[in-house]
Amino acid sequence: MKKLHASEKKLLDSVVRKIVSDPTIGQMKTGDLAGVQVYKYKRKTQQYLLAYQLNPTGTVLTLLALGSHENFYRDLKK
């Protein structure tokens, strides 16, 4: 978050609020990333991916990764 510009932080805050209001909005991943959901959004022309995970009771949302598509899933597996 520290590396983001102010406008990017505002957009990320709105995306997180959207996810909190409807946690099923992201795409559920399978295989090595089972249990992880990814929500895709755009800022200008750049597409960003936000990976998050809900605990089994559905009360705690954990943000795992944020970035562009390039090497996103590879880095997320680590």
PDB file of N, CA and C in Angstrom:
ATOM      1  N   MET A   1       0.808  -1.193   0.000  1.00  0.00           N
ATOM      2  CA  MET A   1       0.000   0.000   0.000  1.00  0.00           C
ATOM      3  C   MET A   1       0.850   1.255   0.000  1.00  0.00           C
ATOM      4  N   LYS A   2       2.009   1.188   0.590  1.00  0.00           N
ATOM      5  CA  LYS A   2       2.857   2.367   0.691  1.00  0.00           C
ATOM      6  C   LYS A   2       3.281   2.895  -0.674  1.00  0.00           C
ATOM      7  N   LYS A   3       3.403   2.022  -1.653  1.00  0.00           N
ATOM      8  CA  LYS A   3       3.893   2.414  -2.968  1.00  0.00           C
ATOM      9  C   LYS A   3       2.802   2.970  -3.871  1.00  0.00           C
ATOM     10  N   LEU A   4       1.558   2.911  -3.453  1.00  0.00           N
ATOM     11  CA  LEU A   4       0.450   3.372  -4.281  1.00  0.00           C
ATOM     12  C   LEU A   4       0.270   4.882  -4.174  1.00  0.00           C
ATOM     13  N   HIS A   5      -0.170   5.487  -5.261  1.00  0.00           N
ATOM     14  CA  HIS A   5      -0.505   6.906  -5.256  1.00  0.00           C
ATOM     15  C   HIS A   5      -1.843   7.094  -4.561  1.00  0.00           C
ATOM     16  N   ALA A   6      -2.149   8.325  -4.226  1.00  0.00           N
ATOM     17  CA  ALA A   6      -3.381   8.624  -3.490  1.00  0.00           C
ATOM     18  C   ALA A   6      -4.622   8.169  -4.254  1.00  0.00           C
ATOM     19  N   SER A   7      -4.651   8.393  -5.559  1.00  0.00           N
ATOM     20  CA  SER A   7      -5.825   7.987  -6.343  1.00  0.00           C
ATOM     21  C   SER A   7      -5.957   6.469  -6.395  1.00  0.00           C
ATOM     22  N   GLU A   8      -4.828   5.768  -6.437  1.00  0.00           N
ATOM     23  CA  GLU A   8      -4.860   4.301  -6.428  1.00  0.00           C
ATOM     24  C   GLU A   8      -5.339   3.782  -5.080  1.00  0.00           C
ATOM     25  N   LYS A   9      -4.968   4.455  -4.003  1.00  0.00           N
ATOM     26  CA  LYS A   9      -5.421   4.052  -2.672  1.00  0.00           C
ATOM     27  C   LYS A   9      -6.932   4.220  -2.534  1.00  0.00           C
ATOM     28  N   LYS A  10      -7.459   5.333  -3.071  1.00  0.00           N
ATOM     29  CA  LYS A  10      -8.904   5.558  -3.021  1.00  0.00           C
ATOM     30  C   LYS A  10      -9.650   4.473  -3.787  1.00  0.00           C
ATOM     31  N   LEU A  11      -9.135   4.121  -4.968  1.00  0.00           N
ATOM     32  CA  LEU A  11      -9.764   3.079  -5.770  1.00  0.00           C
ATOM     33  C   LEU A  11      -9.698   1.734  -5.041  1.00  0.00           C
ATOM     34  N   LEU A  12      -8.565   1.425  -4.437  1.00  0.00           N
ATOM     35  CA  LEU A  12      -8.419   0.175  -3.691  1.00  0.00           C
ATOM     36  C   LEU A  12      -9.386   0.137  -2.510  1.00  0.00           C
ATOM     37  N   ASP A  13      -9.548   1.259  -1.812  1.00  0.00           N
ATOM     38  CA  ASP A  13     -10.499   1.316  -0.702  1.00  0.00           C
ATOM     39  C   ASP A  13     -11.914   1.024  -1.169  1.00  0.00           C
ATOM     40  N   SER A  14     -12.292   1.579  -2.315  1.00  0.00           N
ATOM     41  CA  SER A  14     -13.640   1.333  -2.821  1.00  0.00           C
ATOM     42  C   SER A  14     -13.814  -0.127  -3.246  1.00  0.00           C
ATOM     43  N   VAL A  15     -12.766  -0.720  -3.805  1.00  0.00           N
ATOM     44  CA  VAL A  15     -12.822  -2.131  -4.192  1.00  0.00           C
ATOM     45  C   VAL A  15     -12.949  -3.017  -2.959  1.00  0.00           C
ATOM     46  N   VAL A  16     -12.204  -2.704  -1.910  1.00  0.00           N
ATOM     47  CA  VAL A  16     -12.277  -3.496  -0.673  1.00  0.00           C
ATOM     48  C   VAL A  16     -13.669  -3.376  -0.055  1.00  0.00           C
ATOM     49  N   ARG A  17     -14.245  -2.177  -0.080  1.00  0.00           N
ATOM     50  CA  ARG A  17     -15.608  -2.015   0.446  1.00  0.00           C
ATOM     51  C   ARG A  17     -16.604  -2.845  -0.354  1.00  0.00           C
ATOM     52  N   LYS A  18     -16.410  -2.887  -1.658  1.00  0.00           N
ATOM     53  CA  LYS A  18     -17.292  -3.685  -2.520  1.00  0.00           C
ATOM     54  C   LYS A  18     -17.166  -5.169  -2.176  1.00  0.00           C
ATOM     55  N   ILE A  19     -15.937  -5.636  -1.929  1.00  0.00           N
ATOM     56  CA  ILE A  19     -15.713  -7.039  -1.577  1.00  0.00           C
ATOM     57  C   ILE A  19     -16.311  -7.358  -0.208  1.00  0.00           C
ATOM     58  N   VAL A  20     -16.162  -6.440   0.734  1.00  0.00           N
ATOM     59  CA  VAL A  20     -16.720  -6.658   2.075  1.00  0.00           C
ATOM     60  C   VAL A  20     -18.241  -6.761   2.009  1.00  0.00           C
ATOM     61  N   SER A  21     -18.860  -5.952   1.162  1.00  0.00           N
ATOM     62  CA  SER A  21     -20.320  -6.004   1.063  1.00  0.00           C
ATOM     63  C   SER A  21     -20.806  -7.280   0.383  1.00  0.00           C
ATOM     64  N   ASP A  22     -20.001  -7.836  -0.532  1.00  0.00           N
ATOM     65  CA  ASP A  22     -20.366  -9.083  -1.214  1.00  0.00           C
ATOM     66  C   ASP A  22     -19.102  -9.919  -1.438  1.00  0.00           C
ATOM     67  N   PRO A  23     -18.700 -10.747  -0.469  1.00  0.00           N
ATOM     68  CA  PRO A  23     -17.450 -11.510  -0.574  1.00  0.00           C
ATOM     69  C   PRO A  23     -17.420 -12.525  -1.709  1.00  0.00           C
ATOM     70  N   THR A  24     -18.556 -12.851  -2.288  1.00  0.00           N
ATOM     71  CA  THR A  24     -18.578 -13.831  -3.369  1.00  0.00           C
ATOM     72  C   THR A  24     -18.339 -13.192  -4.729  1.00  0.00           C
ATOM     73  N   ILE A  25     -18.026 -11.912  -4.762  1.00  0.00           N
ATOM     74  CA  ILE A  25     -17.864 -11.184  -6.015  1.00  0.00           C
ATOM     75  C   ILE A  25     -16.630 -11.645  -6.798  1.00  0.00           C
ATOM     76  N   GLY A  26     -15.615 -12.128  -6.104  1.00  0.00           N
ATOM     77  CA  GLY A  26     -14.385 -12.578  -6.759  1.00  0.00           C
ATOM     78  C   GLY A  26     -14.519 -13.973  -7.331  1.00  0.00           C
ATOM     79  N   GLN A  27     -13.603 -14.299  -8.206  1.00  0.00           N
ATOM     80  CA  GLN A  27     -13.591 -15.626  -8.835  1.00  0.00           C
ATOM     81  C   GLN A  27     -12.818 -16.600  -7.944  1.00  0.00           C
ATOM     82  N   MET A  28     -13.459 -17.712  -7.588  1.00  0.00           N
ATOM     83  CA  MET A  28     -12.832 -18.723  -6.746  1.00  0.00           C
ATOM     84  C   MET A  28     -11.813 -19.504  -7.573  1.00  0.00           C
ATOM     85  N   LYS A  29     -10.619 -19.674  -7.030  1.00  0.00           N
ATOM     86  CA  LYS A  29      -9.556 -20.404  -7.708  1.00  0.00           C
ATOM     87  C   LYS A  29      -9.544 -21.858  -7.247  1.00  0.00           C
ATOM     88  N   THR A  30      -8.959 -22.717  -8.079  1.00  0.00           N
ATOM     89  CA  THR A  30      -8.887 -24.142  -7.769  1.00  0.00           C
ATOM     90  C   THR A  30      -7.431 -24.586  -7.804  1.00  0.00           C
ATOM     91  N   GLY A  31      -7.204 -25.839  -7.486  1.00  0.00           N
ATOM     92  CA  GLY A  31      -5.855 -26.398  -7.534  1.00  0.00           C
ATOM     93  C   GLY A  31      -4.994 -25.889  -6.401  1.00  0.00           C
ATOM     94  N   ASP A  32      -3.800 -25.395  -6.736  1.00  0.00           N
ATOM     95  CA  ASP A  32      -2.864 -24.900  -5.718  1.00  0.00           C
ATOM     96  C   ASP A  32      -3.420 -23.706  -4.953  1.00  0.00           C
ATOM     97  N   LEU A  33      -4.298 -22.962  -5.571  1.00  0.00           N
ATOM     98  CA  LEU A  33      -4.845 -21.752  -4.956  1.00  0.00           C
ATOM     99  C   LEU A  33      -6.273 -21.950  -4.449  1.00  0.00           C
ATOM    100  N   ALA A  34      -6.627 -23.159  -4.099  1.00  0.00           N
ATOM    101  CA  ALA A  34      -7.974 -23.441  -3.598  1.00  0.00           C
ATOM    102  C   ALA A  34      -8.247 -22.610  -2.348  1.00  0.00           C
ATOM    103  N   GLY A  35      -9.418 -22.021  -2.296  1.00  0.00           N
ATOM    104  CA  GLY A  35      -9.795 -21.189  -1.155  1.00  0.00           C
ATOM    105  C   GLY A  35      -9.486 -19.720  -1.351  1.00  0.00           C
ATOM    106  N   VAL A  36      -8.771 -19.386  -2.409  1.00  0.00           N
ATOM    107  CA  VAL A  36      -8.417 -17.993  -2.701  1.00  0.00           C
ATOM    108  C   VAL A  36      -9.369 -17.469  -3.768  1.00  0.00           C
ATOM    109  N   GLN A  37      -9.817 -16.245  -3.573  1.00  0.00           N
ATOM    110  CA  GLN A  37     -10.660 -15.592  -4.564  1.00  0.00           C
ATOM    111  C   GLN A  37      -9.907 -14.402  -5.131  1.00  0.00           C
ATOM    112  N   VAL A  38     -10.129 -14.131  -6.419  1.00  0.00           N
ATOM    113  CA  VAL A  38      -9.455 -13.021  -7.088  1.00  0.00           C
ATOM    114  C   VAL A  38     -10.502 -12.119  -7.720  1.00  0.00           C
ATOM    115  N   TYR A  39     -10.397 -10.830  -7.419  1.00  0.00           N
ATOM    116  CA  TYR A  39     -11.276  -9.825  -7.997  1.00  0.00           C
ATOM    117  C   TYR A  39     -10.454  -8.966  -8.947  1.00  0.00           C
ATOM    118  N   LYS A  40     -10.946  -8.797 -10.167  1.00  0.00           N
ATOM    119  CA  LYS A  40     -10.251  -8.008 -11.178  1.00  0.00           C
ATOM    120  C   LYS A  40     -10.926  -6.655 -11.324  1.00  0.00           C
ATOM    121  N   TYR A  41     -10.107  -5.605 -11.401  1.00  0.00           N
ATOM    122  CA  TYR A  41     -10.641  -4.259 -11.630  1.00  0.00           C
ATOM    123  C   TYR A  41      -9.641  -3.463 -12.449  1.00  0.00           C
ATOM    124  N   LYS A  42     -10.122  -2.369 -13.041  1.00  0.00           N
ATOM    125  CA  LYS A  42      -9.270  -1.554 -13.900  1.00  0.00           C
ATOM    126  C   LYS A  42      -9.097  -0.157 -13.333  1.00  0.00           C
ATOM    127  N   ARG A  43      -7.916   0.373 -13.552  1.00  0.00           N
ATOM    128  CA  ARG A  43      -7.617   1.775 -13.287  1.00  0.00           C
ATOM    129  C   ARG A  43      -7.053   2.325 -14.578  1.00  0.00           C
ATOM    130  N   LYS A  44      -7.803   3.223 -15.188  1.00  0.00           N
ATOM    131  CA  LYS A  44      -7.490   3.724 -16.527  1.00  0.00           C
ATOM    132  C   LYS A  44      -7.432   2.534 -17.484  1.00  0.00           C
ATOM    133  N   THR A  45      -6.275   2.201 -18.026  1.00  0.00           N
ATOM    134  CA  THR A  45      -6.191   1.069 -18.955  1.00  0.00           C
ATOM    135  C   THR A  45      -5.542  -0.158 -18.322  1.00  0.00           C
ATOM    136  N   GLN A  46      -5.008  -0.023 -17.127  1.00  0.00           N
ATOM    137  CA  GLN A  46      -4.293  -1.114 -16.458  1.00  0.00           C
ATOM    138  C   GLN A  46      -5.250  -1.981 -15.641  1.00  0.00           C
ATOM    139  N   GLN A  47      -5.181  -3.282 -15.833  1.00  0.00           N
ATOM    140  CA  GLN A  47      -6.007  -4.198 -15.048  1.00  0.00           C
ATOM    141  C   GLN A  47      -5.218  -4.659 -13.830  1.00  0.00           C
ATOM    142  N   TYR A  48      -5.870  -4.616 -12.672  1.00  0.00           N
ATOM    143  CA  TYR A  48      -5.273  -5.067 -11.424  1.00  0.00           C
ATOM    144  C   TYR A  48      -6.042  -6.268 -10.898  1.00  0.00           C
ATOM    145  N   LEU A  49      -5.351  -7.102 -10.153  1.00  0.00           N
ATOM    146  CA  LEU A  49      -5.975  -8.253  -9.522  1.00  0.00           C
ATOM    147  C   LEU A  49      -5.756  -8.154  -8.024  1.00  0.00           C
ATOM    148  N   LEU A  50      -6.787  -8.445  -7.271  1.00  0.00           N
ATOM    149  CA  LEU A  50      -6.726  -8.429  -5.819  1.00  0.00           C
ATOM    150  C   LEU A  50      -7.120  -9.809  -5.322  1.00  0.00           C
ATOM    151  N   ALA A  51      -6.195 -10.479  -4.668  1.00  0.00           N
ATOM    152  CA  ALA A  51      -6.457 -11.816  -4.127  1.00  0.00           C
ATOM    153  C   ALA A  51      -6.832 -11.684  -2.653  1.00  0.00           C
ATOM    154  N   TYR A  52      -7.856 -12.407  -2.262  1.00  0.00           N
ATOM    155  CA  TYR A  52      -8.298 -12.374  -0.875  1.00  0.00           C
ATOM    156  C   TYR A  52      -8.831 -13.742  -0.474  1.00  0.00           C
ATOM    157  N   GLN A  53      -8.982 -13.903   0.838  1.00  0.00           N
ATOM    158  CA  GLN A  53      -9.436 -15.181   1.378  1.00  0.00           C
ATOM    159  C   GLN A  53     -10.332 -14.905   2.573  1.00  0.00           C
ATOM    160  N   LEU A  54     -11.404 -15.653   2.682  1.00  0.00           N
ATOM    161  CA  LEU A  54     -12.299 -15.576   3.831  1.00  0.00           C
ATOM    162  C   LEU A  54     -12.008 -16.730   4.774  1.00  0.00           C
ATOM    163  N   ASN A  55     -12.110 -16.479   6.075  1.00  0.00           N
ATOM    164  CA  ASN A  55     -11.959 -17.596   7.011  1.00  0.00           C
ATOM    165  C   ASN A  55     -13.199 -18.475   6.923  1.00  0.00           C
ATOM    166  N   PRO A  56     -13.160 -19.695   7.443  1.00  0.00           N
ATOM    167  CA  PRO A  56     -14.295 -20.631   7.297  1.00  0.00           C
ATOM    168  C   PRO A  56     -15.630 -20.103   7.824  1.00  0.00           C
ATOM    169  N   THR A  57     -15.602 -19.247   8.836  1.00  0.00           N
ATOM    170  CA  THR A  57     -16.858 -18.713   9.355  1.00  0.00           C
ATOM    171  C   THR A  57     -17.363 -17.534   8.524  1.00  0.00           C
ATOM    172  N   GLY A  58     -16.517 -16.987   7.668  1.00  0.00           N
ATOM    173  CA  GLY A  58     -16.913 -15.889   6.802  1.00  0.00           C
ATOM    174  C   GLY A  58     -16.920 -14.536   7.477  1.00  0.00           C
ATOM    175  N   THR A  59     -16.211 -14.416   8.603  1.00  0.00           N
ATOM    176  CA  THR A  59     -16.217 -13.160   9.342  1.00  0.00           C
ATOM    177  C   THR A  59     -14.950 -12.329   9.137  1.00  0.00           C
ATOM    178  N   VAL A  60     -13.849 -12.955   8.707  1.00  0.00           N
ATOM    179  CA  VAL A  60     -12.584 -12.240   8.541  1.00  0.00           C
ATOM    180  C   VAL A  60     -12.138 -12.325   7.089  1.00  0.00           C
ATOM    181  N   LEU A  61     -11.889 -11.171   6.497  1.00  0.00           N
ATOM    182  CA  LEU A  61     -11.413 -11.074   5.124  1.00  0.00           C
ATOM    183  C   LEU A  61      -9.925 -10.753   5.161  1.00  0.00           C
ATOM    184  N   THR A  62      -9.114 -11.604   4.531  1.00  0.00           N
ATOM    185  CA  THR A  62      -7.671 -11.405   4.499  1.00  0.00           C
ATOM    186  C   THR A  62      -7.240 -11.081   3.076  1.00  0.00           C
ATOM    187  N   LEU A  63      -6.626  -9.913   2.891  1.00  0.00           N
ATOM    188  CA  LEU A  63      -6.102  -9.533   1.588  1.00  0.00           C
ATOM    189  C   LEU A  63      -4.734 -10.168   1.420  1.00  0.00           C
ATOM    190  N   LEU A  64      -4.538 -10.891   0.322  1.00  0.00           N
ATOM    191  CA  LEU A  64      -3.304 -11.642   0.117  1.00  0.00           C
ATOM    192  C   LEU A  64      -2.331 -10.968  -0.831  1.00  0.00           C
ATOM    193  N   ALA A  65      -2.826 -10.439  -1.942  1.00  0.00           N
ATOM    194  CA  ALA A  65      -1.929  -9.863  -2.938  1.00  0.00           C
ATOM    195  C   ALA A  65      -2.678  -8.874  -3.811  1.00  0.00           C
ATOM    196  N   LEU A  66      -1.918  -7.916  -4.336  1.00  0.00           N
ATOM    197  CA  LEU A  66      -2.433  -6.918  -5.263  1.00  0.00           C
ATOM    198  C   LEU A  66      -1.383  -6.708  -6.329  1.00  0.00           C
ATOM    199  N   GLY A  67      -1.799  -6.706  -7.590  1.00  0.00           N
ATOM    200  CA  GLY A  67      -0.827  -6.456  -8.651  1.00  0.00           C
ATOM    201  C   GLY A  67      -1.437  -6.631 -10.022  1.00  0.00           C
ATOM    202  N   SER A  68      -0.592  -6.412 -11.026  1.00  0.00           N
ATOM    203  CA  SER A  68      -1.027  -6.619 -12.398  1.00  0.00           C
ATOM    204  C   SER A  68      -0.969  -8.115 -12.706  1.00  0.00           C
ATOM    205  N   HIS A  69      -1.481  -8.498 -13.837  1.00  0.00           N
ATOM    206  CA  HIS A  69      -1.604  -9.913 -14.170  1.00  0.00           C
ATOM    207  C   HIS A  69      -0.252 -10.588 -14.349  1.00  0.00           C
ATOM    208  N   GLU A  70       0.754  -9.828 -14.764  1.00  0.00           N
ATOM    209  CA  GLU A  70       2.068 -10.402 -15.048  1.00  0.00           C
ATOM    210  C   GLU A  70       2.655 -11.047 -13.786  1.00  0.00           C
ATOM    211  N   ASN A  71       2.850 -12.334 -13.804  1.00  0.00           N
ATOM    212  CA  ASN A  71       3.434 -13.126 -12.719  1.00  0.00           C
ATOM    213  C   ASN A  71       2.615 -13.085 -11.422  1.00  0.00           C
ATOM    214  N   PHE A  72       1.377 -12.633 -11.475  1.00  0.00           N
ATOM    215  CA  PHE A  72       0.558 -12.510 -10.274  1.00  0.00           C
ATOM    216  C   PHE A  72       0.307 -13.865  -9.619  1.00  0.00           C
ATOM    217  N   TYR A  73      -0.121 -14.827 -10.414  1.00  0.00           N
ATOM    218  CA  TYR A  73      -0.459 -16.141  -9.862  1.00  0.00           C
ATOM    219  C   TYR A  73       0.793 -16.893  -9.428  1.00  0.00           C
ATOM    220  N   ARG A  74       1.884 -16.721 -10.135  1.00  0.00           N
ATOM    221  CA  ARG A  74       3.137 -17.361  -9.750  1.00  0.00           C
ATOM    222  C   ARG A  74       3.582 -16.845  -8.380  1.00  0.00           C
ATOM    223  N   ASP A  75       3.543 -15.539  -8.199  1.00  0.00           N
ATOM    224  CA  ASP A  75       3.946 -14.949  -6.925  1.00  0.00           C
ATOM    225  C   ASP A  75       2.968 -15.297  -5.819  1.00  0.00           C
ATOM    226  N   LEU A  76       1.703 -15.436  -6.146  1.00  0.00           N
ATOM    227  CA  LEU A  76       0.686 -15.762  -5.143  1.00  0.00           C
ATOM    228  C   LEU A  76       0.878 -17.177  -4.607  1.00  0.00           C
ATOM    229  N   LYS A  77       1.349 -18.080  -5.437  1.00  0.00           N
ATOM    230  CA  LYS A  77       1.578 -19.455  -4.986  1.00  0.00           C
ATOM    231  C   LYS A  77       2.684 -19.540  -3.950  1.00  0.00           C
ATOM    232  N   LYS A  78       3.620 -18.620  -3.999  1.00  0.00           N
ATOM    233  CA  LYS A  78       4.735 -18.626  -3.028  1.00  0.00           C
ATOM    234  C   LYS A  78       4.221 -18.178  -1.723  1.00  0.00           C
TER     235      LYS A  78
END
